Amino acid sequence: MGGHYKTDTDALGKFVASLESSVDELDAARVALSHVRGDQVGTARLDAACDTFQDRWRYGTEQLSEQIGGIAEGVKDNKLSYEELEKNLADALNKFQASTSGGK
């Protein structure tokens, strides 16, 4: 029955890396957009809209970065827990096998 349950810790590691790179990409996009000022775009109304967008974009990306960072930490912790569980289970099974086989 236990053979049907498997945790792919390598996939969890890749998922963490993907989450972390998405935070980096969000930050890079925000920095790239921060160089375009509203007063460079055109009319006063468009300039104000661009400035408002920049403020909201910055706030939104900061919030997403925090949330994604929290998720990444949780996945890392789970990955480490699964790896520790697998090691402990393997050790216990090896000890059990050694005790039932008479040390042969």
PDB file of N, CA and C in Angstrom:
ATOM      1  N   MET A   1       0.815  -1.184   0.000  1.00  0.00           N
ATOM      2  CA  MET A   1       0.000   0.000   0.000  1.00  0.00           C
ATOM      3  C   MET A   1       0.863   1.253   0.000  1.00  0.00           C
ATOM      4  N   GLY A   2       1.940   1.258   0.776  1.00  0.00           N
ATOM      5  CA  GLY A   2       2.813   2.418   0.848  1.00  0.00           C
ATOM      6  C   GLY A   2       3.547   2.694  -0.446  1.00  0.00           C
ATOM      7  N   GLY A   3       3.617   1.700  -1.329  1.00  0.00           N
ATOM      8  CA  GLY A   3       4.309   1.889  -2.596  1.00  0.00           C
ATOM      9  C   GLY A   3       3.605   2.854  -3.529  1.00  0.00           C
ATOM     10  N   HIS A   4       2.352   3.164  -3.224  1.00  0.00           N
ATOM     11  CA  HIS A   4       1.597   4.076  -4.077  1.00  0.00           C
ATOM     12  C   HIS A   4       1.821   5.536  -3.707  1.00  0.00           C
ATOM     13  N   TYR A   5       2.437   5.770  -2.584  1.00  0.00           N
ATOM     14  CA  TYR A   5       2.670   7.138  -2.119  1.00  0.00           C
ATOM     15  C   TYR A   5       4.140   7.467  -2.287  1.00  0.00           C
ATOM     16  N   LYS A   6       4.414   8.532  -3.011  1.00  0.00           N
ATOM     17  CA  LYS A   6       5.803   8.937  -3.213  1.00  0.00           C
ATOM     18  C   LYS A   6       5.861  10.450  -3.294  1.00  0.00           C
ATOM     19  N   THR A   7       6.822  11.027  -2.610  1.00  0.00           N
ATOM     20  CA  THR A   7       7.046  12.463  -2.678  1.00  0.00           C
ATOM     21  C   THR A   7       8.311  12.696  -3.484  1.00  0.00           C
ATOM     22  N   ASP A   8       8.192  13.469  -4.531  1.00  0.00           N
ATOM     23  CA  ASP A   8       9.333  13.777  -5.392  1.00  0.00           C
ATOM     24  C   ASP A   8      10.023  15.026  -4.853  1.00  0.00           C
ATOM     25  N   THR A   9      11.030  14.817  -4.001  1.00  0.00           N
ATOM     26  CA  THR A   9      11.703  15.955  -3.373  1.00  0.00           C
ATOM     27  C   THR A   9      12.498  16.771  -4.384  1.00  0.00           C
ATOM     28  N   ASP A  10      12.947  16.150  -5.460  1.00  0.00           N
ATOM     29  CA  ASP A  10      13.623  16.919  -6.514  1.00  0.00           C
ATOM     30  C   ASP A  10      12.651  17.908  -7.154  1.00  0.00           C
ATOM     31  N   ALA A  11      11.426  17.456  -7.379  1.00  0.00           N
ATOM     32  CA  ALA A  11      10.409  18.348  -7.955  1.00  0.00           C
ATOM     33  C   ALA A  11      10.085  19.484  -6.987  1.00  0.00           C
ATOM     34  N   LEU A  12      10.057  19.187  -5.688  1.00  0.00           N
ATOM     35  CA  LEU A  12       9.829  20.246  -4.707  1.00  0.00           C
ATOM     36  C   LEU A  12      10.952  21.274  -4.754  1.00  0.00           C
ATOM     37  N   GLY A  13      12.180  20.799  -4.903  1.00  0.00           N
ATOM     38  CA  GLY A  13      13.318  21.714  -5.011  1.00  0.00           C
ATOM     39  C   GLY A  13      13.222  22.594  -6.244  1.00  0.00           C
ATOM     40  N   LYS A  14      12.800  22.002  -7.351  1.00  0.00           N
ATOM     41  CA  LYS A  14      12.632  22.783  -8.587  1.00  0.00           C
ATOM     42  C   LYS A  14      11.503  23.798  -8.436  1.00  0.00           C
ATOM     43  N   PHE A  15      10.451  23.417  -7.733  1.00  0.00           N
ATOM     44  CA  PHE A  15       9.337  24.326  -7.500  1.00  0.00           C
ATOM     45  C   PHE A  15       9.786  25.525  -6.673  1.00  0.00           C
ATOM     46  N   VAL A  16      10.592  25.279  -5.646  1.00  0.00           N
ATOM     47  CA  VAL A  16      11.129  26.374  -4.826  1.00  0.00           C
ATOM     48  C   VAL A  16      11.968  27.306  -5.690  1.00  0.00           C
ATOM     49  N   ALA A  17      12.826  26.738  -6.532  1.00  0.00           N
ATOM     50  CA  ALA A  17      13.661  27.566  -7.413  1.00  0.00           C
ATOM     51  C   ALA A  17      12.801  28.395  -8.356  1.00  0.00           C
ATOM     52  N   SER A  18      11.732  27.798  -8.859  1.00  0.00           N
ATOM     53  CA  SER A  18      10.819  28.515  -9.752  1.00  0.00           C
ATOM     54  C   SER A  18      10.131  29.662  -9.022  1.00  0.00           C
ATOM     55  N   LEU A  19       9.694  29.420  -7.797  1.00  0.00           N
ATOM     56  CA  LEU A  19       9.069  30.479  -7.000  1.00  0.00           C
ATOM     57  C   LEU A  19      10.050  31.617  -6.748  1.00  0.00           C
ATOM     58  N   GLU A  20      11.276  31.252  -6.389  1.00  0.00           N
ATOM     59  CA  GLU A  20      12.273  32.285  -6.102  1.00  0.00           C
ATOM     60  C   GLU A  20      12.619  33.090  -7.349  1.00  0.00           C
ATOM     61  N   SER A  21      12.694  32.427  -8.505  1.00  0.00           N
ATOM     62  CA  SER A  21      13.005  33.172  -9.731  1.00  0.00           C
ATOM     63  C   SER A  21      11.841  34.062 -10.141  1.00  0.00           C
ATOM     64  N   SER A  22      10.614  33.655  -9.817  1.00  0.00           N
ATOM     65  CA  SER A  22       9.472  34.512 -10.156  1.00  0.00           C
ATOM     66  C   SER A  22       9.509  35.805  -9.348  1.00  0.00           C
ATOM     67  N   VAL A  23       9.965  35.736  -8.107  1.00  0.00           N
ATOM     68  CA  VAL A  23      10.121  36.942  -7.295  1.00  0.00           C
ATOM     69  C   VAL A  23      11.174  37.845  -7.924  1.00  0.00           C
ATOM     70  N   ASP A  24      12.287  37.260  -8.352  1.00  0.00           N
ATOM     71  CA  ASP A  24      13.341  38.048  -9.002  1.00  0.00           C
ATOM     72  C   ASP A  24      12.825  38.710 -10.275  1.00  0.00           C
ATOM     73  N   GLU A  25      12.037  37.973 -11.058  1.00  0.00           N
ATOM     74  CA  GLU A  25      11.503  38.524 -12.305  1.00  0.00           C
ATOM     75  C   GLU A  25      10.504  39.646 -12.044  1.00  0.00           C
ATOM     76  N   LEU A  26       9.678  39.504 -11.020  1.00  0.00           N
ATOM     77  CA  LEU A  26       8.753  40.583 -10.655  1.00  0.00           C
ATOM     78  C   LEU A  26       9.519  41.835 -10.249  1.00  0.00           C
ATOM     79  N   ASP A  27      10.554  41.651  -9.450  1.00  0.00           N
ATOM     80  CA  ASP A  27      11.359  42.796  -9.023  1.00  0.00           C
ATOM     81  C   ASP A  27      12.049  43.455 -10.207  1.00  0.00           C
ATOM     82  N   ALA A  28      12.574  42.649 -11.129  1.00  0.00           N
ATOM     83  CA  ALA A  28      13.243  43.202 -12.312  1.00  0.00           C
ATOM     84  C   ALA A  28      12.265  43.987 -13.176  1.00  0.00           C
ATOM     85  N   ALA A  29      11.052  43.481 -13.327  1.00  0.00           N
ATOM     86  CA  ALA A  29      10.043  44.195 -14.124  1.00  0.00           C
ATOM     87  C   ALA A  29       9.678  45.519 -13.466  1.00  0.00           C
ATOM     88  N   ARG A  30       9.547  45.502 -12.148  1.00  0.00           N
ATOM     89  CA  ARG A  30       9.212  46.734 -11.428  1.00  0.00           C
ATOM     90  C   ARG A  30      10.323  47.763 -11.577  1.00  0.00           C
ATOM     91  N   VAL A  31      11.567  47.337 -11.456  1.00  0.00           N
ATOM     92  CA  VAL A  31      12.702  48.257 -11.596  1.00  0.00           C
ATOM     93  C   VAL A  31      12.760  48.808 -13.013  1.00  0.00           C
ATOM     94  N   ALA A  32      12.546  47.944 -14.000  1.00  0.00           N
ATOM     95  CA  ALA A  32      12.577  48.405 -15.398  1.00  0.00           C
ATOM     96  C   ALA A  32      11.492  49.440 -15.652  1.00  0.00           C
ATOM     97  N   LEU A  33      10.315  49.221 -15.109  1.00  0.00           N
ATOM     98  CA  LEU A  33       9.219  50.173 -15.302  1.00  0.00           C
ATOM     99  C   LEU A  33       9.411  51.457 -14.503  1.00  0.00           C
ATOM    100  N   SER A  34      10.167  51.395 -13.436  1.00  0.00           N
ATOM    101  CA  SER A  34      10.344  52.585 -12.599  1.00  0.00           C
ATOM    102  C   SER A  34      11.148  53.668 -13.310  1.00  0.00           C
ATOM    103  N   HIS A  35      11.854  53.303 -14.360  1.00  0.00           N
ATOM    104  CA  HIS A  35      12.648  54.284 -15.110  1.00  0.00           C
ATOM    105  C   HIS A  35      11.781  55.116 -16.054  1.00  0.00           C
ATOM    106  N   VAL A  36      10.576  54.665 -16.314  1.00  0.00           N
ATOM    107  CA  VAL A  36       9.662  55.422 -17.174  1.00  0.00           C
ATOM    108  C   VAL A  36       8.781  56.263 -16.264  1.00  0.00           C
ATOM    109  N   ARG A  37       8.966  57.546 -16.323  1.00  0.00           N
ATOM    110  CA  ARG A  37       8.189  58.464 -15.495  1.00  0.00           C
ATOM    111  C   ARG A  37       6.962  58.944 -16.252  1.00  0.00           C
ATOM    112  N   GLY A  38       5.939  59.261 -15.513  1.00  0.00           N
ATOM    113  CA  GLY A  38       4.704  59.742 -16.117  1.00  0.00           C
ATOM    114  C   GLY A  38       4.907  60.980 -16.961  1.00  0.00           C
ATOM    115  N   ASP A  39       5.817  61.866 -16.544  1.00  0.00           N
ATOM    116  CA  ASP A  39       6.013  63.113 -17.290  1.00  0.00           C
ATOM    117  C   ASP A  39       6.725  62.900 -18.620  1.00  0.00           C
ATOM    118  N   GLN A  40       7.147  61.676 -18.892  1.00  0.00           N
ATOM    119  CA  GLN A  40       7.797  61.365 -20.165  1.00  0.00           C
ATOM    120  C   GLN A  40       6.803  60.813 -21.185  1.00  0.00           C
ATOM    121  N   VAL A  41       5.590  60.535 -20.767  1.00  0.00           N
ATOM    122  CA  VAL A  41       4.649  59.829 -21.622  1.00  0.00           C
ATOM    123  C   VAL A  41       3.818  60.760 -22.488  1.00  0.00           C
ATOM    124  N   GLY A  42       3.262  61.803 -21.903  1.00  0.00           N
ATOM    125  CA  GLY A  42       2.416  62.671 -22.726  1.00  0.00           C
ATOM    126  C   GLY A  42       1.601  63.652 -21.914  1.00  0.00           C
ATOM    127  N   THR A  43       0.301  63.567 -22.044  1.00  0.00           N
ATOM    128  CA  THR A  43      -0.605  64.522 -21.406  1.00  0.00           C
ATOM    129  C   THR A  43      -0.557  64.404 -19.885  1.00  0.00           C
ATOM    130  N   ALA A  44      -1.003  65.459 -19.215  1.00  0.00           N
ATOM    131  CA  ALA A  44      -1.001  65.468 -17.750  1.00  0.00           C
ATOM    132  C   ALA A  44      -1.858  64.332 -17.195  1.00  0.00           C
ATOM    133  N   ARG A  45      -2.975  64.062 -17.841  1.00  0.00           N
ATOM    134  CA  ARG A  45      -3.868  62.993 -17.383  1.00  0.00           C
ATOM    135  C   ARG A  45      -3.195  61.623 -17.535  1.00  0.00           C
ATOM    136  N   LEU A  46      -2.528  61.425 -18.666  1.00  0.00           N
ATOM    137  CA  LEU A  46      -1.818  60.168 -18.889  1.00  0.00           C
ATOM    138  C   LEU A  46      -0.635  60.048 -17.934  1.00  0.00           C
ATOM    139  N   ASP A  47       0.046  61.170 -17.703  1.00  0.00           N
ATOM    140  CA  ASP A  47       1.166  61.169 -16.758  1.00  0.00           C
ATOM    141  C   ASP A  47       0.697  60.743 -15.363  1.00  0.00           C
ATOM    142  N   ALA A  48      -0.424  61.306 -14.920  1.00  0.00           N
ATOM    143  CA  ALA A  48      -0.960  60.972 -13.596  1.00  0.00           C
ATOM    144  C   ALA A  48      -1.366  59.499 -13.533  1.00  0.00           C
ATOM    145  N   ALA A  49      -1.960  59.011 -14.601  1.00  0.00           N
ATOM    146  CA  ALA A  49      -2.360  57.599 -14.647  1.00  0.00           C
ATOM    147  C   ALA A  49      -1.133  56.694 -14.568  1.00  0.00           C
ATOM    148  N   CYS A  50      -0.064  57.072 -15.257  1.00  0.00           N
ATOM    149  CA  CYS A  50       1.173  56.274 -15.221  1.00  0.00           C
ATOM    150  C   CYS A  50       1.775  56.263 -13.818  1.00  0.00           C
ATOM    151  N   ASP A  51       1.781  57.426 -13.168  1.00  0.00           N
ATOM    152  CA  ASP A  51       2.317  57.495 -11.809  1.00  0.00           C
ATOM    153  C   ASP A  51       1.491  56.641 -10.847  1.00  0.00           C
ATOM    154  N   THR A  52       0.176  56.693 -10.989  1.00  0.00           N
ATOM    155  CA  THR A  52      -0.704  55.881 -10.145  1.00  0.00           C
ATOM    156  C   THR A  52      -0.444  54.399 -10.387  1.00  0.00           C
ATOM    157  N   PHE A  53      -0.307  54.037 -11.658  1.00  0.00           N
ATOM    158  CA  PHE A  53      -0.016  52.642 -11.991  1.00  0.00           C
ATOM    159  C   PHE A  53       1.303  52.211 -11.366  1.00  0.00           C
ATOM    160  N   GLN A  54       2.331  53.043 -11.448  1.00  0.00           N
ATOM    161  CA  GLN A  54       3.640  52.710 -10.870  1.00  0.00           C
ATOM    162  C   GLN A  54       3.508  52.429  -9.376  1.00  0.00           C
ATOM    163  N   ASP A  55       2.768  53.301  -8.688  1.00  0.00           N
ATOM    164  CA  ASP A  55       2.594  53.111  -7.245  1.00  0.00           C
ATOM    165  C   ASP A  55       1.875  51.802  -6.938  1.00  0.00           C
ATOM    166  N   ARG A  56       0.828  51.530  -7.677  1.00  0.00           N
ATOM    167  CA  ARG A  56       0.065  50.291  -7.451  1.00  0.00           C
ATOM    168  C   ARG A  56       0.879  49.063  -7.840  1.00  0.00           C
ATOM    169  N   TRP A  57       1.603  49.161  -8.928  1.00  0.00           N
ATOM    170  CA  TRP A  57       2.441  48.051  -9.385  1.00  0.00           C
ATOM    171  C   TRP A  57       3.501  47.735  -8.333  1.00  0.00           C
ATOM    172  N   ARG A  58       4.140  48.781  -7.810  1.00  0.00           N
ATOM    173  CA  ARG A  58       5.173  48.576  -6.788  1.00  0.00           C
ATOM    174  C   ARG A  58       4.561  47.885  -5.564  1.00  0.00           C
ATOM    175  N   TYR A  59       3.440  48.407  -5.096  1.00  0.00           N
ATOM    176  CA  TYR A  59       2.782  47.816  -3.928  1.00  0.00           C
ATOM    177  C   TYR A  59       2.393  46.360  -4.208  1.00  0.00           C
ATOM    178  N   GLY A  60       1.784  46.116  -5.354  1.00  0.00           N
ATOM    179  CA  GLY A  60       1.348  44.767  -5.712  1.00  0.00           C
ATOM    180  C   GLY A  60       2.497  43.787  -5.822  1.00  0.00           C
ATOM    181  N   THR A  61       3.579  44.207  -6.460  1.00  0.00           N
ATOM    182  CA  THR A  61       4.718  43.293  -6.609  1.00  0.00           C
ATOM    183  C   THR A  61       5.390  43.036  -5.269  1.00  0.00           C
ATOM    184  N   GLU A  62       5.412  44.043  -4.407  1.00  0.00           N
ATOM    185  CA  GLU A  62       5.974  43.823  -3.071  1.00  0.00           C
ATOM    186  C   GLU A  62       5.136  42.811  -2.294  1.00  0.00           C
ATOM    187  N   GLN A  63       3.823  42.931  -2.388  1.00  0.00           N
ATOM    188  CA  GLN A  63       2.933  41.993  -1.702  1.00  0.00           C
ATOM    189  C   GLN A  63       3.087  40.582  -2.270  1.00  0.00           C
ATOM    190  N   LEU A  64       3.121  40.476  -3.596  1.00  0.00           N
ATOM    191  CA  LEU A  64       3.312  39.164  -4.228  1.00  0.00           C
ATOM    192  C   LEU A  64       4.647  38.556  -3.831  1.00  0.00           C
ATOM    193  N   SER A  65       5.686  39.370  -3.820  1.00  0.00           N
ATOM    194  CA  SER A  65       7.013  38.877  -3.447  1.00  0.00           C
ATOM    195  C   SER A  65       7.005  38.309  -2.035  1.00  0.00           C
ATOM    196  N   GLU A  66       6.366  39.012  -1.115  1.00  0.00           N
ATOM    197  CA  GLU A  66       6.282  38.517   0.262  1.00  0.00           C
ATOM    198  C   GLU A  66       5.520  37.198   0.332  1.00  0.00           C
ATOM    199  N   GLN A  67       4.394  37.127  -0.360  1.00  0.00           N
ATOM    200  CA  GLN A  67       3.585  35.912  -0.316  1.00  0.00           C
ATOM    201  C   GLN A  67       4.295  34.740  -0.982  1.00  0.00           C
ATOM    202  N   ILE A  68       4.913  35.000  -2.120  1.00  0.00           N
ATOM    203  CA  ILE A  68       5.640  33.931  -2.810  1.00  0.00           C
ATOM    204  C   ILE A  68       6.817  33.471  -1.964  1.00  0.00           C
ATOM    205  N   GLY A  69       7.497  34.421  -1.320  1.00  0.00           N
ATOM    206  CA  GLY A  69       8.603  34.061  -0.432  1.00  0.00           C
ATOM    207  C   GLY A  69       8.139  33.163   0.702  1.00  0.00           C
ATOM    208  N   GLY A  70       6.975  33.460   1.268  1.00  0.00           N
ATOM    209  CA  GLY A  70       6.420  32.622   2.328  1.00  0.00           C
ATOM    210  C   GLY A  70       6.085  31.225   1.838  1.00  0.00           C
ATOM    211  N   ILE A  71       5.527  31.149   0.647  1.00  0.00           N
ATOM    212  CA  ILE A  71       5.210  29.838   0.058  1.00  0.00           C
ATOM    213  C   ILE A  71       6.496  29.057  -0.188  1.00  0.00           C
ATOM    214  N   ALA A  72       7.504  29.732  -0.726  1.00  0.00           N
ATOM    215  CA  ALA A  72       8.782  29.067  -1.008  1.00  0.00           C
ATOM    216  C   ALA A  72       9.391  28.513   0.279  1.00  0.00           C
ATOM    217  N   GLU A  73       9.343  29.284   1.358  1.00  0.00           N
ATOM    218  CA  GLU A  73       9.877  28.805   2.633  1.00  0.00           C
ATOM    219  C   GLU A  73       9.102  27.583   3.124  1.00  0.00           C
ATOM    220  N   GLY A  74       7.789  27.615   2.992  1.00  0.00           N
ATOM    221  CA  GLY A  74       6.975  26.475   3.401  1.00  0.00           C
ATOM    222  C   GLY A  74       7.294  25.222   2.599  1.00  0.00           C
ATOM    223  N   VAL A  75       7.462  25.381   1.291  1.00  0.00           N
ATOM    224  CA  VAL A  75       7.795  24.230   0.441  1.00  0.00           C
ATOM    225  C   VAL A  75       9.182  23.701   0.795  1.00  0.00           C
ATOM    226  N   LYS A  76      10.130  24.606   1.054  1.00  0.00           N
ATOM    227  CA  LYS A  76      11.477  24.176   1.465  1.00  0.00           C
ATOM    228  C   LYS A  76      11.402  23.355   2.749  1.00  0.00           C
ATOM    229  N   ASP A  77      10.642  23.862   3.724  1.00  0.00           N
ATOM    230  CA  ASP A  77      10.499  23.141   4.990  1.00  0.00           C
ATOM    231  C   ASP A  77       9.879  21.765   4.770  1.00  0.00           C
ATOM    232  N   ASN A  78       8.853  21.685   3.924  1.00  0.00           N
ATOM    233  CA  ASN A  78       8.227  20.393   3.624  1.00  0.00           C
ATOM    234  C   ASN A  78       9.207  19.451   2.947  1.00  0.00           C
ATOM    235  N   LYS A  79       9.977  19.978   2.012  1.00  0.00           N
ATOM    236  CA  LYS A  79      10.976  19.164   1.307  1.00  0.00           C
ATOM    237  C   LYS A  79      11.960  18.567   2.308  1.00  0.00           C
ATOM    238  N   LEU A  80      12.469  19.402   3.208  1.00  0.00           N
ATOM    239  CA  LEU A  80      13.412  18.913   4.214  1.00  0.00           C
ATOM    240  C   LEU A  80      12.764  17.876   5.126  1.00  0.00           C
ATOM    241  N   SER A  81      11.507  18.087   5.483  1.00  0.00           N
ATOM    242  CA  SER A  81      10.795  17.122   6.328  1.00  0.00           C
ATOM    243  C   SER A  81      10.630  15.784   5.621  1.00  0.00           C
ATOM    244  N   TYR A  82      10.264  15.816   4.347  1.00  0.00           N
ATOM    245  CA  TYR A  82      10.122  14.572   3.586  1.00  0.00           C
ATOM    246  C   TYR A  82      11.459  13.854   3.467  1.00  0.00           C
ATOM    247  N   GLU A  83      12.528  14.608   3.223  1.00  0.00           N
ATOM    248  CA  GLU A  83      13.847  13.975   3.110  1.00  0.00           C
ATOM    249  C   GLU A  83      14.256  13.340   4.439  1.00  0.00           C
ATOM    250  N   GLU A  84      13.979  14.030   5.542  1.00  0.00           N
ATOM    251  CA  GLU A  84      14.295  13.480   6.856  1.00  0.00           C
ATOM    252  C   GLU A  84      13.450  12.236   7.140  1.00  0.00           C
ATOM    253  N   LEU A  85      12.175  12.294   6.795  1.00  0.00           N
ATOM    254  CA  LEU A  85      11.289  11.145   6.985  1.00  0.00           C
ATOM    255  C   LEU A  85      11.784   9.943   6.186  1.00  0.00           C
ATOM    256  N   GLU A  86      12.150  10.166   4.925  1.00  0.00           N
ATOM    257  CA  GLU A  86      12.639   9.068   4.088  1.00  0.00           C
ATOM    258  C   GLU A  86      13.904   8.452   4.669  1.00  0.00           C
ATOM    259  N   LYS A  87      14.806   9.297   5.160  1.00  0.00           N
ATOM    260  CA  LYS A  87      16.048   8.790   5.750  1.00  0.00           C
ATOM    261  C   LYS A  87      15.746   7.981   7.007  1.00  0.00           C
ATOM    262  N   ASN A  88      14.908   8.527   7.879  1.00  0.00           N
ATOM    263  CA  ASN A  88      14.570   7.820   9.122  1.00  0.00           C
ATOM    264  C   ASN A  88      13.847   6.509   8.846  1.00  0.00           C
ATOM    265  N   LEU A  89      12.947   6.512   7.874  1.00  0.00           N
ATOM    266  CA  LEU A  89      12.234   5.290   7.518  1.00  0.00           C
ATOM    267  C   LEU A  89      13.193   4.250   6.951  1.00  0.00           C
ATOM    268  N   ALA A  90      14.092   4.672   6.077  1.00  0.00           N
ATOM    269  CA  ALA A  90      15.075   3.741   5.512  1.00  0.00           C
ATOM    270  C   ALA A  90      15.954   3.160   6.616  1.00  0.00           C
ATOM    271  N   ASP A  91      16.394   4.005   7.554  1.00  0.00           N
ATOM    272  CA  ASP A  91      17.211   3.519   8.669  1.00  0.00           C
ATOM    273  C   ASP A  91      16.443   2.496   9.502  1.00  0.00           C
ATOM    274  N   ALA A  92      15.175   2.800   9.800  1.00  0.00           N
ATOM    275  CA  ALA A  92      14.358   1.886  10.607  1.00  0.00           C
ATOM    276  C   ALA A  92      14.140   0.560   9.885  1.00  0.00           C
ATOM    277  N   LEU A  93      13.862   0.619   8.591  1.00  0.00           N
ATOM    278  CA  LEU A  93      13.653  -0.617   7.829  1.00  0.00           C
ATOM    279  C   LEU A  93      14.935  -1.435   7.745  1.00  0.00           C
ATOM    280  N   ASN A  94      16.067  -0.772   7.584  1.00  0.00           N
ATOM    281  CA  ASN A  94      17.347  -1.488   7.548  1.00  0.00           C
ATOM    282  C   ASN A  94      17.628  -2.169   8.888  1.00  0.00           C
ATOM    283  N   LYS A  95      17.347  -1.485   9.991  1.00  0.00           N
ATOM    284  CA  LYS A  95      17.538  -2.087  11.319  1.00  0.00           C
ATOM    285  C   LYS A  95      16.603  -3.277  11.510  1.00  0.00           C
ATOM    286  N   PHE A  96      15.358  -3.115  11.082  1.00  0.00           N
ATOM    287  CA  PHE A  96      14.392  -4.202  11.198  1.00  0.00           C
ATOM    288  C   PHE A  96      14.841  -5.408  10.380  1.00  0.00           C
ATOM    289  N   GLN A  97      15.285  -5.149   9.167  1.00  0.00           N
ATOM    290  CA  GLN A  97      15.740  -6.242   8.307  1.00  0.00           C
ATOM    291  C   GLN A  97      16.943  -6.942   8.926  1.00  0.00           C
ATOM    292  N   ALA A  98      17.863  -6.175   9.472  1.00  0.00           N
ATOM    293  CA  ALA A  98      19.041  -6.777  10.100  1.00  0.00           C
ATOM    294  C   ALA A  98      18.652  -7.616  11.316  1.00  0.00           C
ATOM    295  N   SER A  99      17.671  -7.153  12.075  1.00  0.00           N
ATOM    296  CA  SER A  99      17.271  -7.900  13.281  1.00  0.00           C
ATOM    297  C   SER A  99      16.495  -9.170  12.938  1.00  0.00           C
ATOM    298  N   THR A 100      15.753  -9.168  11.846  1.00  0.00           N
ATOM    299  CA  THR A 100      14.971 -10.354  11.483  1.00  0.00           C
ATOM    300  C   THR A 100      15.782 -11.364  10.697  1.00  0.00           C
ATOM    301  N   SER A 101      16.867 -10.929  10.102  1.00  0.00           N
ATOM    302  CA  SER A 101      17.679 -11.871   9.326  1.00  0.00           C
ATOM    303  C   SER A 101      18.811 -12.439  10.169  1.00  0.00           C
ATOM    304  N   GLY A 102      18.855 -12.074  11.424  1.00  0.00           N
ATOM    305  CA  GLY A 102      19.884 -12.620  12.305  1.00  0.00           C
ATOM    306  C   GLY A 102      21.242 -12.007  12.040  1.00  0.00           C
ATOM    307  N   GLY A 103      21.252 -10.816  11.436  1.00  0.00           N
ATOM    308  CA  GLY A 103      22.519 -10.140  11.183  1.00  0.00           C
ATOM    309  C   GLY A 103      23.267 -10.683   9.997  1.00  0.00           C
ATOM    310  N   LYS A 104      22.613 -11.531   9.200  1.00  0.00           N
ATOM    311  CA  LYS A 104      23.276 -12.137   8.036  1.00  0.00           C
ATOM    312  C   LYS A 104      23.425 -11.154   6.925  1.00  0.00           C
TER     313      LYS A 104
END
